[in-house]
C-alpha atoms as a PDB file:
ATOM      1  CA  MET A   1     -14.512  16.985  37.715  1.00  0.00           C
ATOM      2  CA  GLN A   2     -14.661  18.985  34.480  1.00  0.00           C
ATOM      3  CA  LEU A   3     -10.878  19.312  34.495  1.00  0.00           C
ATOM      4  CA  VAL A   4     -10.478  15.528  34.730  1.00  0.00           C
ATOM      5  CA  LEU A   5     -12.930  15.017  31.874  1.00  0.00           C
ATOM      6  CA  PHE A   6     -11.095  17.600  29.766  1.00  0.00           C
ATOM      7  CA  ILE A   7      -7.737  15.902  30.405  1.00  0.00           C
ATOM      8  CA  VAL A   8      -9.150  12.494  29.453  1.00  0.00           C
ATOM      9  CA  ILE A   9     -10.652  13.846  26.230  1.00  0.00           C
ATOM     10  CA  VAL A  10      -7.472  15.691  25.242  1.00  0.00           C
ATOM     11  CA  THR A  11      -5.354  12.611  26.000  1.00  0.00           C
ATOM     12  CA  PHE A  12      -7.372  10.032  24.067  1.00  0.00           C
ATOM     13  CA  THR A  13      -8.628  12.066  21.094  1.00  0.00           C
ATOM     14  CA  PRO A  14      -5.387  11.804  19.064  1.00  0.00           C
ATOM     15  CA  LEU A  15      -5.239   8.059  19.732  1.00  0.00           C
ATOM     16  CA  SER A  16      -8.760   7.455  18.493  1.00  0.00           C
ATOM     17  CA  CYS A  17      -8.179   9.215  15.184  1.00  0.00           C
ATOM     18  CA  GLU A  18      -5.104   7.285  14.099  1.00  0.00           C
ATOM     19  CA  VAL A  19      -5.228   5.252  10.932  1.00  0.00           C
ATOM     20  CA  GLN A  20      -3.316   2.010  11.311  1.00  0.00           C
ATOM     21  CA  SER A  21      -1.497   1.366   8.056  1.00  0.00           C
ATOM     22  CA  GLU A  22       1.970   0.728   6.720  1.00  0.00           C
ATOM     23  CA  SER A  23       3.501   3.582   4.762  1.00  0.00           C
ATOM     24  CA  ILE A  24       3.819   3.199   1.009  1.00  0.00           C
ATOM     25  CA  SER A  25       7.598   3.653   1.143  1.00  0.00           C
ATOM     26  CA  ALA A  26       7.873   0.803   3.687  1.00  0.00           C
ATOM     27  CA  ILE A  27       5.871  -1.472   1.391  1.00  0.00           C
ATOM     28  CA  PHE A  28       8.258  -0.841  -1.503  1.00  0.00           C
ATOM     29  CA  GLU A  29      11.411  -1.206   0.628  1.00  0.00           C
ATOM     30  CA  LYS A  30      10.566  -4.922   0.836  1.00  0.00           C
ATOM     31  CA  ILE A  31      10.737  -5.192  -2.965  1.00  0.00           C
ATOM     32  CA  ASP A  32      14.467  -5.535  -3.500  1.00  0.00           C
ATOM     33  CA  TYR A  33      14.393  -7.429  -6.808  1.00  0.00           C
ATOM     34  CA  MET A  34      13.407  -4.413  -8.958  1.00  0.00           C
ATOM     35  CA  SER A  35      15.378  -1.366  -9.983  1.00  0.00           C
ATOM     36  CA  GLN A  36      14.396   1.910  -8.317  1.00  0.00           C
ATOM     37  CA  LYS A  37      13.016   3.226 -11.611  1.00  0.00           C
ATOM     38  CA  CYS A  38      10.695   0.222 -11.982  1.00  0.00           C
ATOM     39  CA  LYS A  39       9.640   0.419  -8.316  1.00  0.00           C
ATOM     40  CA  ASP A  40       8.757   4.108  -8.706  1.00  0.00           C
ATOM     41  CA  LYS A  41       6.696   3.392 -11.830  1.00  0.00           C
ATOM     42  CA  LEU A  42       4.931   0.461 -10.164  1.00  0.00           C
ATOM     43  CA  ARG A  43       4.208   2.503  -7.021  1.00  0.00           C
ATOM     44  CA  ASP A  44       2.755   5.383  -9.041  1.00  0.00           C
ATOM     45  CA  ASP A  45       0.589   2.995 -11.087  1.00  0.00           C
ATOM     46  CA  LEU A  46      -0.738   1.166  -8.014  1.00  0.00           C
ATOM     47  CA  VAL A  47      -1.427   4.326  -6.000  1.00  0.00           C
ATOM     48  CA  LYS A  48      -3.348   5.710  -8.979  1.00  0.00           C
ATOM     49  CA  LYS A  49      -5.259   2.446  -9.412  1.00  0.00           C
ATOM     50  CA  CYS A  50      -6.237   2.297  -5.715  1.00  0.00           C
ATOM     51  CA  GLY A  51      -7.255   5.961  -5.787  1.00  0.00           C
ATOM     52  CA  GLU A  52      -9.852   5.192  -8.463  1.00  0.00           C
ATOM     53  CA  SER A  53     -11.925   3.178  -5.955  1.00  0.00           C
ATOM     54  CA  SER A  54     -14.557   4.879  -3.811  1.00  0.00           C
ATOM     55  CA  TYR A  55     -14.076   2.477  -0.894  1.00  0.00           C
ATOM     56  CA  GLN A  56     -10.543   1.045  -0.914  1.00  0.00           C
ATOM     57  CA  THR A  57      -8.549   4.183  -1.629  1.00  0.00           C
ATOM     58  CA  GLN A  58      -5.154   3.348  -0.107  1.00  0.00           C
ATOM     59  CA  LEU A  59      -2.426   1.031  -1.323  1.00  0.00           C
ATOM     60  CA  VAL A  60      -2.100  -1.382   1.606  1.00  0.00           C
ATOM     61  CA  ASP A  61       0.261  -4.137   0.464  1.00  0.00           C
ATOM     62  CA  VAL A  62       2.233  -5.554  -2.445  1.00  0.00           C
ATOM     63  CA  SER A  63       3.235  -9.203  -2.182  1.00  0.00           C
ATOM     64  CA  GLY A  64       3.814 -12.027  -4.596  1.00  0.00           C
ATOM     65  CA  CYS A  65       1.925 -11.255  -7.786  1.00  0.00           C
ATOM     66  CA  LYS A  66      -0.839  -9.256  -6.090  1.00  0.00           C
ATOM     67  CA  TYR A  67      -1.439  -5.840  -4.627  1.00  0.00           C
ATOM     68  CA  LYS A  68      -4.095  -4.857  -2.122  1.00  0.00           C
ATOM     69  CA  CYS A  69      -6.109  -1.657  -1.922  1.00  0.00           C
ATOM     70  CA  GLY A  70      -7.993  -0.990   1.278  1.00  0.00           C
ATOM     71  CA  GLU A  71      -8.653   0.988   4.403  1.00  0.00           C
ATOM     72  CA  GLN A  72      -7.713   0.302   8.019  1.00  0.00           C
ATOM     73  CA  HIS A  73      -9.336   2.358  10.770  1.00  0.00           C
ATOM     74  CA  ASN A  74      -9.336   2.266  14.553  1.00  0.00           C
ATOM     75  CA  ASN A  75     -11.446   4.937  16.246  1.00  0.00           C
ATOM     76  CA  GLY A  76     -11.033   3.539  19.754  1.00  0.00           C
ATOM     77  CA  LEU A  77     -14.417   1.835  19.776  1.00  0.00           C
ATOM     78  CA  THR A  78     -14.389  -0.142  16.569  1.00  0.00           C
ATOM     79  CA  LYS A  79     -11.714  -1.444  14.259  1.00  0.00           C
ATOM     80  CA  ALA A  80     -12.411  -1.889  10.577  1.00  0.00           C
ATOM     81  CA  THR A  81     -10.292  -3.320   7.817  1.00  0.00           C
ATOM     82  CA  THR A  82     -11.497  -3.476   4.242  1.00  0.00           C
ATOM     83  CA  GLY A  83      -9.561  -4.515   1.208  1.00  0.00           C
ATOM     84  CA  GLN A  84      -9.529  -6.018  -2.217  1.00  0.00           C
ATOM     85  CA  GLU A  85      -6.660  -7.801  -3.953  1.00  0.00           C
ATOM     86  CA  PHE A  86      -5.774  -7.446  -7.620  1.00  0.00           C
ATOM     87  CA  PRO A  87      -3.169  -9.172  -9.823  1.00  0.00           C
ATOM     88  CA  LEU A  88      -0.095  -7.164 -10.799  1.00  0.00           C
ATOM     89  CA  ASN A  89       0.338  -6.123 -14.425  1.00  0.00           C
ATOM     90  CA  ASP A  90       1.816  -8.722 -16.755  1.00  0.00           C
ATOM     91  CA  TRP A  91       5.071  -6.767 -17.015  1.00  0.00           C
ATOM     92  CA  ALA A  92       5.723  -6.618 -13.237  1.00  0.00           C
ATOM     93  CA  PRO A  93       8.269  -9.202 -12.059  1.00  0.00           C
ATOM     94  CA  CYS A  94       6.741 -11.295  -9.287  1.00  0.00           C
ATOM     95  CA  GLY A  95       6.305 -14.793  -7.929  1.00  0.00           C
ATOM     96  CA  HIS A  96       8.922 -17.323  -6.881  1.00  0.00           C
ATOM     97  CA  ASP A  97      11.285 -16.656  -9.814  1.00  0.00           C
ATOM     98  CA  MET A  98      10.586 -12.885  -9.938  1.00  0.00           C
ATOM     99  CA  VAL A  99       9.942 -13.150 -13.681  1.00  0.00           C
ATOM    100  CA  SER A 100       7.297 -11.128 -15.468  1.00  0.00           C
ATOM    101  CA  LYS A 101       4.730 -12.912 -17.603  1.00  0.00           C
ATOM    102  CA  ILE A 102       5.548 -10.688 -20.583  1.00  0.00           C
ATOM    103  CA  ARG A 103       9.018  -9.153 -20.595  1.00  0.00           C
ATOM    104  CA  THR A 104       9.572  -6.512 -23.230  1.00  0.00           C
ATOM    105  CA  PRO A 105      12.767  -4.478 -23.742  1.00  0.00           C
ATOM    106  CA  GLU A 106      10.783  -1.226 -23.856  1.00  0.00           C
ATOM    107  CA  ARG A 107       9.483  -1.659 -20.316  1.00  0.00           C
ATOM    108  CA  HIS A 108      12.696  -2.998 -18.775  1.00  0.00           C
ATOM    109  CA  SER A 109      15.392  -1.222 -20.767  1.00  0.00           C
ATOM    110  CA  ASP A 110      17.185  -0.094 -17.595  1.00  0.00           C
ATOM    111  CA  GLU A 111      17.514  -3.718 -16.416  1.00  0.00           C
ATOM    112  CA  ILE A 112      18.936  -5.091 -19.679  1.00  0.00           C
ATOM    113  CA  ASN A 113      22.253  -3.231 -19.526  1.00  0.00           C
END
């Protein structure tokens, strides 16, 4: 009986500790309208911004003109998803036309040429 209990615990422990979230690189693969340099800068800025929060510490999604910081957990008994959305910076191209609100040559010099 103890052997069966041990096998059950060993089998299900790794499953209960998994965090269900999309990787940051997968989130930015969907953004194909920006140069790699701009995507890297945006990713670094958003990861830093999400890391400043005590509760929503992970970058969860970037879509349209918003990004979402949050946490997604599944411990086998309960599932929890928390998050908060924020607008992208004015210089980040987004929306239907993928145009930034304020486009300055200094911030997009690699896209001008």
